[in-house]
Amino acid sequence: MRIGLLTEGGYPYVGGEGGVWCDRLVRGLDRHEFDVYAFSTGQAQEDAGWLPLPPQVARVRTAPLWAAEEDGVVHGRRARRRFTEHYGELAAALCHAAEPGTAEKPGTAEADRFTNALHGLAELAREEGGLVAALRSEQAVRALERACRAPGARRTAREARVPDLLTVADHLERALRPLSLDWYEEDGLGAVDLCHAASGGIAVLPGLLARHFFGVPLLVTEYAVRLRTHYLTRPDASPAVRSLLAAFHGLLTAETYRAASYLVPGNAHARRWQERCGADRAKLRTIHPGLDATPFTRVGEDRPEGREKGAEREHAGPHTLVWIGRVEPAKDLVSLLHAFAEVRAAEPGTRLRIVGRPSGPEGEAYLGHCRALAAQLFPDEADGPHAVGRNPVTFEELGGPGAETTADVHAGGTVTVLSSVVEGFPVGLIEAMFCGRATVSTDVGAVVEVIGGTGLVVPPRNPRALAEACVSLLRDPERRARLGAAARARALELFSVEQNVAAFHALYLETVARTPVRRPVLDGAGDPQPFAAPAEAHVPGHWTGPTPRAVPTWAVETPEPVTETVR
C-alpha cells in the first residue's frame, strides 16, 4: 500500500511536533511505501534538517507555511472574477457561521458554502498555477469587507474595522497557501492509496483536495484537537478577528470530520473534544500514541528497593521528587514549589529535581521566576557557619550530569510529579510508568485515562493536595512499589509502539477495503492489482518487472528518497 503522510511542523524534521511517533509508525510499517508531504513552520526548523529516513520513504515533498514567495502568476479577467466569487463565498460562510462557544453548530448551508468555495479556489489554483498574489491582493480584502457588511452577517463580523479585515485576510492567505501547491497531480497525491494526516488543521488541506480531485480516502489523527487550540489563542485580538478566525477553523474542522473515512483521537480527552466539535462517533477509532519502552527497560526492571537505595546514595537524602518537561506557565511549577515547601516540612530531607528546558521567551521568563521563588522559599541550607549551603531544589537540563537521559532522571527519583494545569497526552508520565515509578499528577487532559488507578491524582492548582499525596507515597515504600509495578504493566500493555503500529496497520487495511476502486491499476500481465504499491513489490520476483535474478537485500544499495522542496 502507498501512504501519503501529511504533516505540519513535524516529521521528517528533527524535533518537530509529532515527529517521533510518525517516525516509529513509518519504521514499524515497513511493508508499506510512504510519500511524505510536510509543511515546515520556520527557518530554524528547516536548518535543523531531517531525521534519518528508512527505505520505505520513497518521496518527501516540503513546503514552508511561514513564507510564500510570489509565484509570478497573473490572472486574467475571467480568473479574477472566479477568484472574487469563490473567495467571497468563503468569506460569507465565515460571516454567517454560528458564534463560537455557543451550542449551535455550523449549519448545512454554511458548511456546503464553505466547502464549495474551498474546492472552487483549489480548482482555480490548479488551472491557473497558484493563488499567492490573489490571496494577498486588495481584491481579497474588499471581498471580505463586502461579506462582513452584507445583510444577515453576524454582529461581530459587521463590527470589523479595516485593521481587523487586514488581520483576517493575512491569516486566510497563510492558511490557504496549500491550495497553490503542485502536489495535486496524478503522479503526486493522486498516486497514493490513502492520505494520513498526522494532525488536524492546515495539514489536512492536501488530504481534502486529494479526496476531491482523485477520491483518495483520508485518515486524520489528532492527539491534540487543533480547533480547541484555535479557540484558546489570540486572546488580545478584537472580537471581530477572534470570531472570523474561529469560524474559519470551525468550518475547516467540520469539513475534515465530514470527509475523513476515520478519525483517530489519541485519547478519550481528544475524542470527547472531537465529538463536541461535530465528529461522527461511527468514524472514531482511539489509538494511543506508541512509545519505545526499550530505553526504560533497565530502570523499570530494577528491584524497587535497589532503586531507593541508589537514589539515597546519589542525592544524600532519603527521598527525591522528580519533575520532567518543558518549562512554561501551563506546567504550574509555582504550585509545585509551594507544595514542595509543605513536603519539606513533613519530610525534611526530601529534594526536588526540576529537569527541562524553557519553551521560548515566555518559558525563559517563567524559569527565572521559578528560580527566584525557589531561592525565596528554600534559603541555602548549610551544616555549619563555614559550610556552603545547598538549595533542596535543583533546576537542570536533560543531557547534563546525572540527567543524561529521561531514564537516568527517573532512576534517581523516588516519586515522579506532574503539576500541569493544561495537558494533552502526558508522554512524560508514560515514560515514568515505563520506569516503574509511583506518580502524583494533577487531573488535567488525559492524565486519568493514562494512569488508570496506578498513581495518585489531585486537583490542579492545589498545592496542599499535591503535597499530601507526595508525602503519603514517600512514607509508604511498599505502596510505591505496588503502584510502580502496576504502572509499568499498564504502560507496556497500552502505550507501547508495537500496539500503536499494529492498530494503524489494521486501520489502513480497513480504510482501503471500504473505499471504492478509484482507477484500475494493472500489473504487467494486465491483471488488476488492489494497491498502487502492492506488498509483493518489495519482494524480488517476476511481479516486480523484468528482474533477471533475485538479489539479496543486503547486497542492494538503498536508494536515496526523492526530495522536493517548494519555495
Protein backbone atom coordinates (compact mmCIF):
# COMPACT_ATOMS: atom_id res chain seq x y z
CA MET A 1 0.00 0.00 0.00
CA ARG A 2 1.20 3.53 -0.75
CA ILE A 3 0.52 6.03 2.04
CA GLY A 4 0.61 9.82 1.69
CA LEU A 5 1.68 11.04 5.15
CA LEU A 6 0.70 14.70 5.71
CA THR A 7 2.46 16.66 8.47
CA GLU A 8 2.68 20.25 9.73
CA GLY A 9 5.79 21.25 11.67
CA GLY A 10 6.64 17.63 12.39
CA TYR A 11 8.03 14.60 10.56
CA PRO A 12 10.54 14.39 8.91
CA TYR A 13 12.06 17.47 10.61
CA VAL A 14 14.29 16.99 13.65
CA GLY A 15 12.46 17.99 16.80
CA GLY A 16 9.17 18.57 15.01
CA GLU A 17 5.89 18.17 16.83
CA GLY A 18 4.71 14.58 16.50
CA GLY A 19 7.84 13.64 14.54
CA VAL A 20 8.83 10.86 16.92
CA TRP A 21 5.59 8.89 16.71
CA CYS A 22 5.46 9.38 12.92
CA ASP A 23 9.00 8.02 12.62
CA ARG A 24 8.09 4.98 14.72
CA LEU A 25 4.96 4.41 12.64
CA VAL A 26 6.81 4.60 9.32
CA ARG A 27 9.59 2.30 10.52
CA GLY A 28 7.11 -0.16 12.01
CA LEU A 29 5.07 -0.40 8.78
CA ASP A 30 7.97 -1.40 6.55
CA ARG A 31 5.63 -3.45 4.35
CA HIS A 32 4.08 -0.24 3.04
CA GLU A 33 5.51 2.63 0.99
CA PHE A 34 5.31 6.22 2.24
CA ASP A 35 5.25 9.53 0.43
CA VAL A 36 5.72 12.34 2.95
CA TYR A 37 4.16 15.75 2.30
CA ALA A 38 5.43 18.10 5.01
CA PHE A 39 4.85 21.74 5.94
CA SER A 40 7.69 23.46 7.78
CA THR A 41 6.97 26.18 10.32
CA GLY A 42 10.19 28.21 10.33
CA GLN A 43 13.69 28.68 9.01
CA ALA A 44 15.20 27.22 12.19
CA GLN A 45 13.25 24.01 11.66
CA GLU A 46 14.47 23.70 8.09
CA ASP A 47 18.07 24.44 9.11
CA ALA A 48 17.92 21.66 11.73
CA GLY A 49 17.39 19.12 8.94
CA TRP A 50 15.56 15.80 8.84
CA LEU A 51 15.51 12.63 10.82
CA PRO A 52 17.22 9.66 9.11
CA LEU A 53 14.66 8.21 6.72
CA PRO A 54 14.04 4.48 6.29
CA PRO A 55 13.99 2.96 2.78
CA GLN A 56 10.18 2.69 2.73
CA VAL A 57 10.00 6.51 2.45
CA ALA A 58 10.05 6.84 -1.33
CA ARG A 59 9.46 10.60 -1.63
CA VAL A 60 9.49 13.70 0.55
CA ARG A 61 7.93 16.94 -0.66
CA THR A 62 8.08 20.01 1.57
CA ALA A 63 6.59 23.50 1.56
CA PRO A 64 7.09 26.38 4.02
CA LEU A 65 3.98 27.67 5.74
CA TRP A 66 5.97 30.56 7.23
CA ALA A 67 6.91 32.14 3.89
CA ALA A 68 5.46 32.28 0.39
CA GLU A 69 7.32 33.86 -2.48
CA GLU A 70 5.45 35.43 -5.36
CA ASP A 71 4.76 32.76 -7.96
CA GLY A 72 4.55 35.22 -10.85
CA VAL A 73 1.04 34.08 -11.76
CA VAL A 74 -1.01 36.90 -13.30
CA HIS A 75 -4.72 36.20 -13.52
CA GLY A 76 -6.79 37.35 -16.42
CA ARG A 77 -10.18 39.00 -16.09
CA ARG A 78 -12.11 35.73 -16.07
CA ALA A 79 -9.81 34.17 -13.45
CA ARG A 80 -10.05 37.28 -11.25
CA ARG A 81 -13.81 37.14 -11.47
CA ARG A 82 -13.81 33.47 -10.46
CA PHE A 83 -11.46 34.22 -7.56
CA THR A 84 -13.66 37.04 -6.29
CA GLU A 85 -16.73 34.80 -6.48
CA HIS A 86 -15.17 31.85 -4.60
CA TYR A 87 -13.31 33.95 -2.03
CA GLY A 88 -16.45 35.99 -1.42
CA GLU A 89 -18.46 32.82 -0.84
CA LEU A 90 -15.85 31.55 1.62
CA ALA A 91 -15.90 34.89 3.46
CA ALA A 92 -19.72 34.87 3.51
CA ALA A 93 -19.67 31.42 5.11
CA LEU A 94 -17.42 32.78 7.87
CA CYS A 95 -19.68 35.77 8.46
CA HIS A 96 -22.84 33.67 8.72
CA ALA A 97 -21.45 30.74 10.72
CA ALA A 98 -22.63 30.16 14.28
CA GLU A 99 -20.90 32.13 17.00
CA PRO A 100 -18.02 30.10 18.52
CA GLY A 101 -18.66 28.92 22.05
CA THR A 102 -22.42 28.56 21.54
CA ALA A 103 -24.36 25.33 21.45
CA GLU A 104 -25.32 25.99 17.84
CA LYS A 105 -23.25 24.02 15.31
CA PRO A 106 -22.36 25.10 11.76
CA GLY A 107 -25.45 24.84 9.61
CA THR A 108 -25.59 22.71 6.49
CA ALA A 109 -25.89 25.78 4.26
CA GLU A 110 -22.76 27.45 5.68
CA ALA A 111 -20.81 24.17 5.64
CA ASP A 112 -21.73 23.50 1.99
CA ARG A 113 -20.97 27.10 1.09
CA PHE A 114 -17.53 26.86 2.70
CA THR A 115 -16.73 23.50 1.08
CA ASN A 116 -17.81 24.60 -2.40
CA ALA A 117 -15.79 27.81 -2.09
CA LEU A 118 -12.72 25.91 -0.93
CA HIS A 119 -12.98 23.47 -3.83
CA GLY A 120 -13.56 26.33 -6.25
CA LEU A 121 -10.40 28.10 -5.10
CA ALA A 122 -8.43 24.84 -5.32
CA GLU A 123 -9.63 24.19 -8.88
CA LEU A 124 -8.76 27.75 -9.87
CA ALA A 125 -5.28 27.42 -8.36
CA ARG A 126 -4.74 24.11 -10.17
CA GLU A 127 -5.78 25.57 -13.51
CA GLU A 128 -4.01 28.94 -13.21
CA GLY A 129 -0.84 27.86 -11.36
CA GLY A 130 -1.43 29.36 -7.91
CA LEU A 131 -3.26 31.95 -5.82
CA VAL A 132 -0.41 33.59 -3.89
CA ALA A 133 -0.84 37.06 -5.43
CA ALA A 134 -4.65 36.87 -5.44
CA LEU A 135 -4.87 35.97 -1.74
CA ARG A 136 -2.62 38.95 -0.93
CA SER A 137 -4.47 41.40 -3.14
CA GLU A 138 -6.76 44.29 -2.29
CA GLN A 139 -9.41 42.33 -4.18
CA ALA A 140 -9.42 39.72 -1.39
CA VAL A 141 -9.75 42.34 1.37
CA ARG A 142 -12.63 44.04 -0.43
CA ALA A 143 -14.43 40.70 -0.90
CA LEU A 144 -14.03 40.05 2.84
CA GLU A 145 -15.36 43.52 3.66
CA ARG A 146 -18.43 43.04 1.44
CA ALA A 147 -19.20 39.75 3.18
CA CYS A 148 -18.93 41.39 6.62
CA ARG A 149 -21.24 44.26 5.61
CA ALA A 150 -23.82 42.07 3.85
CA PRO A 151 -27.31 41.62 5.33
CA GLY A 152 -27.52 38.66 7.70
CA ALA A 153 -23.87 38.76 8.77
CA ARG A 154 -23.19 38.22 12.47
CA ARG A 155 -22.88 41.27 14.67
CA THR A 156 -19.19 40.64 15.43
CA ALA A 157 -18.47 40.40 11.68
CA ARG A 158 -20.33 43.64 10.94
CA GLU A 159 -18.21 45.40 13.56
CA ALA A 160 -14.92 44.50 11.82
CA ARG A 161 -12.80 47.54 11.02
CA VAL A 162 -10.06 47.91 8.41
CA PRO A 163 -7.24 46.65 10.71
CA ASP A 164 -9.42 43.65 11.59
CA LEU A 165 -10.08 42.89 7.92
CA LEU A 166 -6.35 43.09 7.10
CA THR A 167 -5.51 40.75 10.00
CA VAL A 168 -8.13 38.18 8.96
CA ALA A 169 -7.15 38.37 5.27
CA ASP A 170 -3.49 37.85 6.21
CA HIS A 171 -4.38 34.77 8.28
CA LEU A 172 -6.51 33.34 5.46
CA GLU A 173 -3.67 33.88 2.99
CA ARG A 174 -1.32 31.78 5.15
CA ALA A 175 -3.95 29.14 5.84
CA LEU A 176 -4.83 28.74 2.15
CA ARG A 177 -1.25 28.54 0.85
CA PRO A 178 -1.52 24.74 0.39
CA LEU A 179 -4.08 25.35 -2.38
CA SER A 180 -1.32 26.78 -4.61
CA LEU A 181 1.00 23.75 -4.42
CA ASP A 182 1.60 21.38 -7.32
CA TRP A 183 1.02 18.29 -5.20
CA TYR A 184 -2.41 17.53 -6.67
CA GLU A 185 -1.43 15.62 -9.79
CA GLU A 186 -1.79 12.02 -10.91
CA ASP A 187 1.85 11.31 -10.05
CA GLY A 188 1.56 13.17 -6.73
CA LEU A 189 -1.19 12.68 -4.18
CA GLY A 190 -3.30 11.14 -6.92
CA ALA A 191 -0.97 8.10 -6.88
CA VAL A 192 -1.38 7.17 -3.20
CA ASP A 193 -3.86 4.64 -1.85
CA LEU A 194 -4.52 6.55 1.37
CA CYS A 195 -3.81 10.00 2.85
CA HIS A 196 -2.95 10.03 6.54
CA ALA A 197 -2.88 13.48 8.17
CA ALA A 198 -0.77 13.41 11.33
CA SER A 199 -2.74 16.33 12.80
CA GLY A 200 -5.79 18.44 12.16
CA GLY A 201 -5.80 21.97 10.83
CA ILE A 202 -3.82 23.06 7.78
CA ALA A 203 -2.08 19.68 7.42
CA VAL A 204 -5.42 18.17 6.37
CA LEU A 205 -5.94 20.50 3.39
CA PRO A 206 -3.84 18.43 0.92
CA GLY A 207 -5.79 15.34 2.01
CA LEU A 208 -9.12 17.09 1.45
CA LEU A 209 -8.03 18.15 -2.04
CA ALA A 210 -6.68 14.67 -2.88
CA ARG A 211 -10.08 13.31 -1.92
CA HIS A 212 -11.85 15.97 -4.00
CA PHE A 213 -9.71 15.55 -7.15
CA PHE A 214 -8.96 11.81 -7.04
CA GLY A 215 -11.22 10.19 -4.43
CA VAL A 216 -8.28 9.25 -2.18
CA PRO A 217 -9.57 8.18 1.28
CA LEU A 218 -8.48 10.33 4.21
CA LEU A 219 -7.45 9.29 7.72
CA VAL A 220 -6.89 12.02 10.36
CA THR A 221 -5.01 11.56 13.64
CA GLU A 222 -5.45 14.16 16.37
CA TYR A 223 -3.53 13.72 19.60
CA ALA A 224 -4.49 17.33 20.41
CA VAL A 225 -7.60 18.83 18.80
CA ARG A 226 -6.44 21.81 16.74
CA LEU A 227 -9.82 23.53 16.85
CA ARG A 228 -9.63 23.71 20.65
CA THR A 229 -6.20 25.33 20.31
CA HIS A 230 -7.57 27.98 17.94
CA TYR A 231 -10.39 28.78 20.37
CA LEU A 232 -7.79 29.44 23.09
CA THR A 233 -5.41 31.58 21.01
CA ARG A 234 -5.36 35.31 20.17
CA PRO A 235 -6.86 36.43 23.50
CA ASP A 236 -5.78 40.03 22.82
CA ALA A 237 -7.35 40.24 19.34
CA SER A 238 -10.55 42.14 18.71
CA PRO A 239 -13.88 40.27 18.92
CA ALA A 240 -14.27 40.50 15.12
CA VAL A 241 -10.89 38.87 14.46
CA ARG A 242 -11.45 36.12 17.02
CA SER A 243 -14.93 35.42 15.69
CA LEU A 244 -13.98 35.25 11.99
CA LEU A 245 -10.88 33.12 12.55
CA ALA A 246 -12.76 30.78 14.87
CA ALA A 247 -15.44 30.44 12.18
CA PHE A 248 -12.82 29.57 9.54
CA HIS A 249 -11.18 26.88 11.64
CA GLY A 250 -14.55 25.60 12.83
CA LEU A 251 -15.80 25.17 9.25
CA LEU A 252 -12.49 23.61 8.17
CA THR A 253 -12.73 21.15 11.06
CA ALA A 254 -16.35 20.34 10.20
CA GLU A 255 -15.35 19.60 6.59
CA THR A 256 -12.42 17.49 7.79
CA TYR A 257 -14.63 15.43 10.08
CA ARG A 258 -17.22 15.00 7.32
CA ALA A 259 -14.75 13.99 4.60
CA ALA A 260 -12.46 11.72 6.63
CA SER A 261 -13.06 8.00 6.43
CA TYR A 262 -11.84 7.62 10.01
CA LEU A 263 -10.78 9.97 12.79
CA VAL A 264 -8.12 8.75 15.21
CA PRO A 265 -8.03 10.52 18.57
CA GLY A 266 -5.06 9.61 20.73
CA ASN A 267 -7.04 9.53 23.96
CA ALA A 268 -10.53 9.87 25.41
CA HIS A 269 -9.96 13.58 26.14
CA ALA A 270 -9.31 14.30 22.44
CA ARG A 271 -12.21 12.02 21.48
CA ARG A 272 -14.64 13.99 23.64
CA TRP A 273 -13.48 17.24 22.02
CA GLN A 274 -13.90 15.75 18.54
CA GLU A 275 -17.46 14.69 19.37
CA ARG A 276 -18.16 18.13 20.80
CA CYS A 277 -16.87 19.66 17.54
CA GLY A 278 -19.25 17.56 15.46
CA ALA A 279 -17.39 14.32 14.72
CA ASP A 280 -19.48 11.25 13.90
CA ARG A 281 -18.95 8.60 16.60
CA ALA A 282 -19.04 5.85 13.96
CA LYS A 283 -15.83 7.26 12.46
CA LEU A 284 -13.84 7.46 15.70
CA ARG A 285 -11.09 4.93 16.46
CA THR A 286 -8.98 5.68 19.55
CA ILE A 287 -5.31 4.70 19.15
CA HIS A 288 -2.96 5.68 21.95
CA PRO A 289 0.45 7.07 20.98
CA GLY A 290 3.16 4.42 20.90
CA LEU A 291 6.37 4.93 22.88
CA ASP A 292 9.52 2.85 22.70
CA ALA A 293 9.88 1.12 26.07
CA THR A 294 13.41 -0.14 25.39
CA PRO A 295 15.32 2.87 26.84
CA PHE A 296 13.43 2.43 30.13
CA THR A 297 13.78 -1.35 30.48
CA ARG A 298 16.87 -1.28 32.70
CA VAL A 299 15.28 1.14 35.18
CA GLY A 300 11.83 -0.42 35.00
CA GLU A 301 13.04 -3.94 35.73
CA ASP A 302 15.27 -2.98 38.68
CA ARG A 303 14.02 -4.04 42.08
CA PRO A 304 12.25 -1.16 43.89
CA GLU A 305 14.43 -1.47 46.97
CA GLY A 306 17.54 -1.22 44.81
CA ARG A 307 16.28 1.94 43.20
CA GLU A 308 15.51 3.51 46.55
CA LYS A 309 19.00 2.82 47.86
CA GLY A 310 20.56 4.13 44.66
CA ALA A 311 18.60 7.35 44.95
CA GLU A 312 19.72 7.81 48.55
CA ARG A 313 23.36 7.26 47.67
CA GLU A 314 23.23 9.70 44.76
CA HIS A 315 21.36 12.53 46.44
CA ALA A 316 22.45 12.03 50.05
CA GLY A 317 18.86 12.21 51.24
CA PRO A 318 16.02 9.84 51.93
CA HIS A 319 13.77 10.92 49.08
CA THR A 320 13.78 12.81 45.76
CA LEU A 321 10.81 14.15 43.84
CA VAL A 322 11.29 14.41 40.07
CA TRP A 323 9.60 16.70 37.54
CA ILE A 324 10.47 16.48 33.81
CA GLY A 325 9.07 18.52 30.93
CA ARG A 326 9.07 21.84 29.08
CA VAL A 327 9.30 24.81 31.41
CA GLU A 328 6.28 27.02 30.72
CA PRO A 329 3.41 28.55 32.72
CA ALA A 330 0.99 25.74 31.79
CA LYS A 331 3.16 23.31 33.81
CA ASP A 332 2.43 25.31 37.01
CA LEU A 333 5.82 24.88 38.65
CA VAL A 334 4.84 27.65 41.07
CA SER A 335 2.24 25.38 42.66
CA LEU A 336 4.79 22.55 42.69
CA LEU A 337 7.31 24.71 44.57
CA HIS A 338 4.69 25.74 47.14
CA ALA A 339 3.66 22.10 47.52
CA PHE A 340 7.29 21.12 47.99
CA ALA A 341 7.57 23.61 50.86
CA GLU A 342 4.89 21.59 52.67
CA VAL A 343 6.59 18.33 51.73
CA ARG A 344 9.85 19.60 53.26
CA ALA A 345 8.02 20.48 56.46
CA ALA A 346 6.76 16.89 56.74
CA GLU A 347 9.85 15.13 55.30
CA PRO A 348 12.83 17.47 55.90
CA GLY A 349 15.39 15.56 53.84
CA THR A 350 13.40 15.46 50.61
CA ARG A 351 14.81 17.07 47.47
CA LEU A 352 13.17 18.24 44.22
CA ARG A 353 14.75 17.95 40.78
CA ILE A 354 13.17 20.08 38.01
CA VAL A 355 14.56 18.86 34.69
CA GLY A 356 13.68 20.60 31.44
CA ARG A 357 14.36 23.46 29.05
CA PRO A 358 12.25 26.62 28.82
CA SER A 359 9.78 26.86 25.94
CA GLY A 360 10.56 30.12 24.11
CA PRO A 361 10.91 33.61 25.63
CA GLU A 362 7.85 33.11 27.83
CA GLY A 363 9.40 29.95 29.21
CA GLU A 364 12.69 31.74 29.89
CA ALA A 365 10.89 34.39 31.94
CA TYR A 366 8.89 31.75 33.78
CA LEU A 367 12.04 29.77 34.60
CA GLY A 368 13.63 32.90 36.06
CA HIS A 369 10.53 33.49 38.19
CA CYS A 370 10.62 29.88 39.46
CA ARG A 371 14.33 30.11 40.34
CA ALA A 372 13.67 33.28 42.32
CA LEU A 373 10.72 31.65 44.11
CA ALA A 374 12.79 28.58 44.99
CA ALA A 375 15.54 30.78 46.44
CA GLN A 376 12.93 32.63 48.50
CA LEU A 377 11.12 29.53 49.77
CA PHE A 378 14.26 27.48 50.45
CA PRO A 379 17.23 29.57 51.63
CA ASP A 380 20.54 27.79 51.19
CA GLU A 381 20.98 25.20 53.91
CA ALA A 382 24.40 24.53 55.46
CA ASP A 383 25.61 22.21 58.20
CA GLY A 384 27.62 24.96 59.88
CA PRO A 385 28.70 28.59 59.68
CA HIS A 386 31.68 27.77 57.49
CA ALA A 387 29.94 25.31 55.13
CA VAL A 388 28.44 26.09 51.73
CA GLY A 389 24.68 25.81 51.64
CA ARG A 390 22.73 23.72 49.12
CA ASN A 391 19.23 24.52 47.92
CA PRO A 392 16.94 21.45 48.02
CA VAL A 393 15.52 22.44 44.61
CA THR A 394 17.74 21.97 41.54
CA PHE A 395 16.98 23.23 38.04
CA GLU A 396 18.63 21.06 35.39
CA GLU A 397 18.51 20.33 31.68
CA LEU A 398 18.23 16.91 30.14
CA GLY A 399 21.68 15.77 28.99
CA GLY A 400 23.54 17.28 31.94
CA PRO A 401 25.36 15.42 34.74
CA GLY A 402 23.07 12.84 36.32
CA ALA A 403 20.38 13.61 33.75
CA GLU A 404 21.86 12.16 30.56
CA THR A 405 18.54 10.53 29.67
CA THR A 406 14.99 10.56 30.96
CA ALA A 407 15.51 7.06 32.33
CA ASP A 408 18.53 8.27 34.32
CA VAL A 409 16.46 11.02 35.90
CA HIS A 410 13.71 8.61 36.92
CA ALA A 411 16.29 6.13 38.21
CA GLY A 412 17.47 8.71 40.74
CA GLY A 413 13.98 9.67 41.89
CA THR A 414 11.52 8.31 44.43
CA VAL A 415 8.28 9.80 43.07
CA THR A 416 7.55 11.49 39.71
CA VAL A 417 5.30 14.57 39.89
CA LEU A 418 3.17 16.24 37.20
CA SER A 419 1.72 19.61 38.25
CA SER A 420 0.21 20.93 34.99
CA VAL A 421 -2.96 22.99 34.68
CA VAL A 422 -3.16 22.25 30.92
CA GLU A 423 -2.03 18.96 29.45
CA GLY A 424 -2.80 16.94 26.35
CA PHE A 425 -1.45 13.40 26.30
CA PRO A 426 1.18 13.21 29.10
CA VAL A 427 4.08 11.45 27.39
CA GLY A 428 6.42 12.20 30.30
CA LEU A 429 4.03 10.41 32.62
CA ILE A 430 4.11 7.30 30.44
CA GLU A 431 7.91 7.35 30.50
CA ALA A 432 7.77 7.37 34.30
CA MET A 433 5.36 4.42 34.15
CA PHE A 434 7.75 2.52 31.87
CA CYS A 435 10.39 3.10 34.57
CA GLY A 436 8.08 1.63 37.21
CA ARG A 437 7.79 4.87 39.16
CA ALA A 438 4.99 5.83 41.50
CA THR A 439 3.44 9.11 40.31
CA VAL A 440 1.45 12.05 41.64
CA SER A 441 -0.40 14.03 38.92
CA THR A 442 -2.98 16.75 38.52
CA ASP A 443 -6.34 15.83 37.00
CA VAL A 444 -5.96 17.52 33.59
CA GLY A 445 -6.17 16.36 29.97
CA ALA A 446 -5.76 12.61 29.53
CA VAL A 447 -3.94 12.05 32.85
CA VAL A 448 -6.65 9.92 34.47
CA GLU A 449 -7.01 7.85 31.30
CA VAL A 450 -3.26 7.20 31.23
CA ILE A 451 -2.81 6.50 34.94
CA GLY A 452 -5.86 4.25 35.26
CA GLY A 453 -5.52 3.78 39.02
CA THR A 454 -1.77 3.15 39.08
CA GLY A 455 -0.91 6.57 40.59
CA LEU A 456 -2.34 9.34 42.72
CA VAL A 457 -4.32 12.15 41.06
CA VAL A 458 -5.14 15.50 42.69
CA PRO A 459 -6.96 18.66 41.53
CA PRO A 460 -4.88 21.22 39.62
CA ARG A 461 -3.74 24.44 41.33
CA ASN A 462 -3.99 22.80 44.76
CA PRO A 463 -0.51 22.75 46.36
CA ARG A 464 -1.79 21.27 49.63
CA ALA A 465 -3.40 18.27 47.93
CA LEU A 466 -0.27 17.79 45.82
CA ALA A 467 1.92 17.88 48.93
CA GLU A 468 -0.26 15.45 50.88
CA ALA A 469 -0.22 12.92 48.02
CA CYS A 470 3.57 13.15 47.72
CA VAL A 471 4.08 12.72 51.47
CA SER A 472 1.76 9.70 51.59
CA LEU A 473 3.87 7.94 48.94
CA LEU A 474 7.20 9.00 50.43
CA ARG A 475 6.21 7.41 53.74
CA ASP A 476 4.98 4.14 52.22
CA PRO A 477 7.67 2.29 50.19
CA GLU A 478 5.54 -0.83 49.76
CA ARG A 479 2.74 1.19 48.20
CA ARG A 480 5.23 2.92 45.91
CA ALA A 481 6.49 -0.45 44.76
CA ARG A 482 2.98 -1.77 44.08
CA LEU A 483 1.91 1.31 42.16
CA GLY A 484 5.17 1.41 40.17
CA ALA A 485 4.85 -2.23 39.12
CA ALA A 486 1.21 -1.75 38.13
CA ALA A 487 2.07 1.41 36.19
CA ARG A 488 4.80 -0.35 34.21
CA ALA A 489 2.49 -3.26 33.35
CA ARG A 490 -0.23 -0.85 32.18
CA ALA A 491 2.18 1.18 30.06
CA LEU A 492 3.60 -1.91 28.36
CA GLU A 493 0.09 -3.16 27.58
CA LEU A 494 -1.47 0.06 26.27
CA PHE A 495 1.21 2.54 25.25
CA SER A 496 3.95 0.58 23.50
CA VAL A 497 4.97 1.34 19.94
CA GLU A 498 4.04 -2.21 18.94
CA GLN A 499 0.35 -1.77 19.80
CA ASN A 500 0.31 1.60 18.02
CA VAL A 501 1.79 0.22 14.78
CA ALA A 502 -0.48 -2.83 14.78
CA ALA A 503 -3.58 -0.67 15.28
CA PHE A 504 -2.69 1.70 12.42
CA HIS A 505 -1.84 -1.22 10.13
CA ALA A 506 -5.30 -2.71 10.70
CA LEU A 507 -6.98 0.67 10.20
CA TYR A 508 -5.11 1.30 6.94
CA LEU A 509 -6.34 -2.00 5.54
CA GLU A 510 -9.90 -1.38 6.77
CA THR A 511 -9.97 2.11 5.24
CA VAL A 512 -8.79 0.97 1.81
CA ALA A 513 -11.03 -2.10 1.89
CA ARG A 514 -14.08 0.14 2.41
CA THR A 515 -13.09 2.58 -0.35
CA PRO A 516 -14.43 2.03 -3.88
CA VAL A 517 -11.82 1.39 -6.56
CA ARG A 518 -10.84 4.81 -7.94
CA ARG A 519 -8.96 3.71 -11.05
CA PRO A 520 -7.79 0.40 -12.48
CA VAL A 521 -4.17 -0.33 -11.57
CA LEU A 522 -2.86 -3.14 -13.76
CA ASP A 523 0.20 -5.29 -13.41
CA GLY A 524 2.49 -6.35 -16.29
CA ALA A 525 0.11 -9.09 -17.35
CA GLY A 526 -2.84 -6.70 -17.49
CA ASP A 527 -4.50 -8.07 -14.36
CA PRO A 528 -5.87 -5.62 -11.77
CA GLN A 529 -3.98 -5.17 -8.53
CA PRO A 530 -5.58 -3.80 -5.33
CA PHE A 531 -2.93 -1.26 -4.33
CA ALA A 532 -0.71 1.18 -6.20
CA ALA A 533 2.30 -0.37 -4.44
CA PRO A 534 1.33 -3.95 -3.51
CA ALA A 535 3.15 -5.74 -0.72
CA GLU A 536 4.81 -8.18 -3.12
CA ALA A 537 6.51 -5.28 -4.90
CA HIS A 538 9.05 -5.32 -2.05
CA VAL A 539 9.95 -8.97 -2.69
CA PRO A 540 12.21 -9.79 -5.67
CA GLY A 541 10.30 -11.82 -8.24
CA HIS A 542 8.58 -11.77 -11.63
CA TRP A 543 5.78 -9.49 -10.39
CA THR A 544 8.20 -6.60 -9.85
CA GLY A 545 9.15 -6.36 -13.52
CA PRO A 546 11.86 -7.82 -15.71
CA THR A 547 14.33 -8.78 -12.98
CA PRO A 548 16.91 -11.34 -14.26
CA ARG A 549 17.54 -12.86 -10.84
CA ALA A 550 16.68 -12.35 -7.21
CA VAL A 551 19.21 -10.20 -5.39
CA PRO A 552 19.66 -10.45 -1.60
CA THR A 553 18.54 -7.33 0.20
CA TRP A 554 21.89 -6.94 1.93
CA ALA A 555 23.58 -6.65 -1.47
CA VAL A 556 21.29 -3.91 -2.75
CA GLU A 557 22.32 -0.31 -2.22
CA THR A 558 19.41 1.58 -0.67
CA PRO A 559 18.46 4.45 -2.98
CA GLU A 560 18.13 7.93 -1.61
CA PRO A 561 14.46 9.01 -1.43
CA VAL A 562 13.28 11.64 -3.85
CA THR A 563 13.16 15.00 -2.08
CA GLU A 564 11.48 18.10 -3.39
CA THR A 565 11.07 21.50 -1.77
CA VAL A 566 8.51 24.06 -2.81
CA ARG A 567 9.66 27.65 -2.39
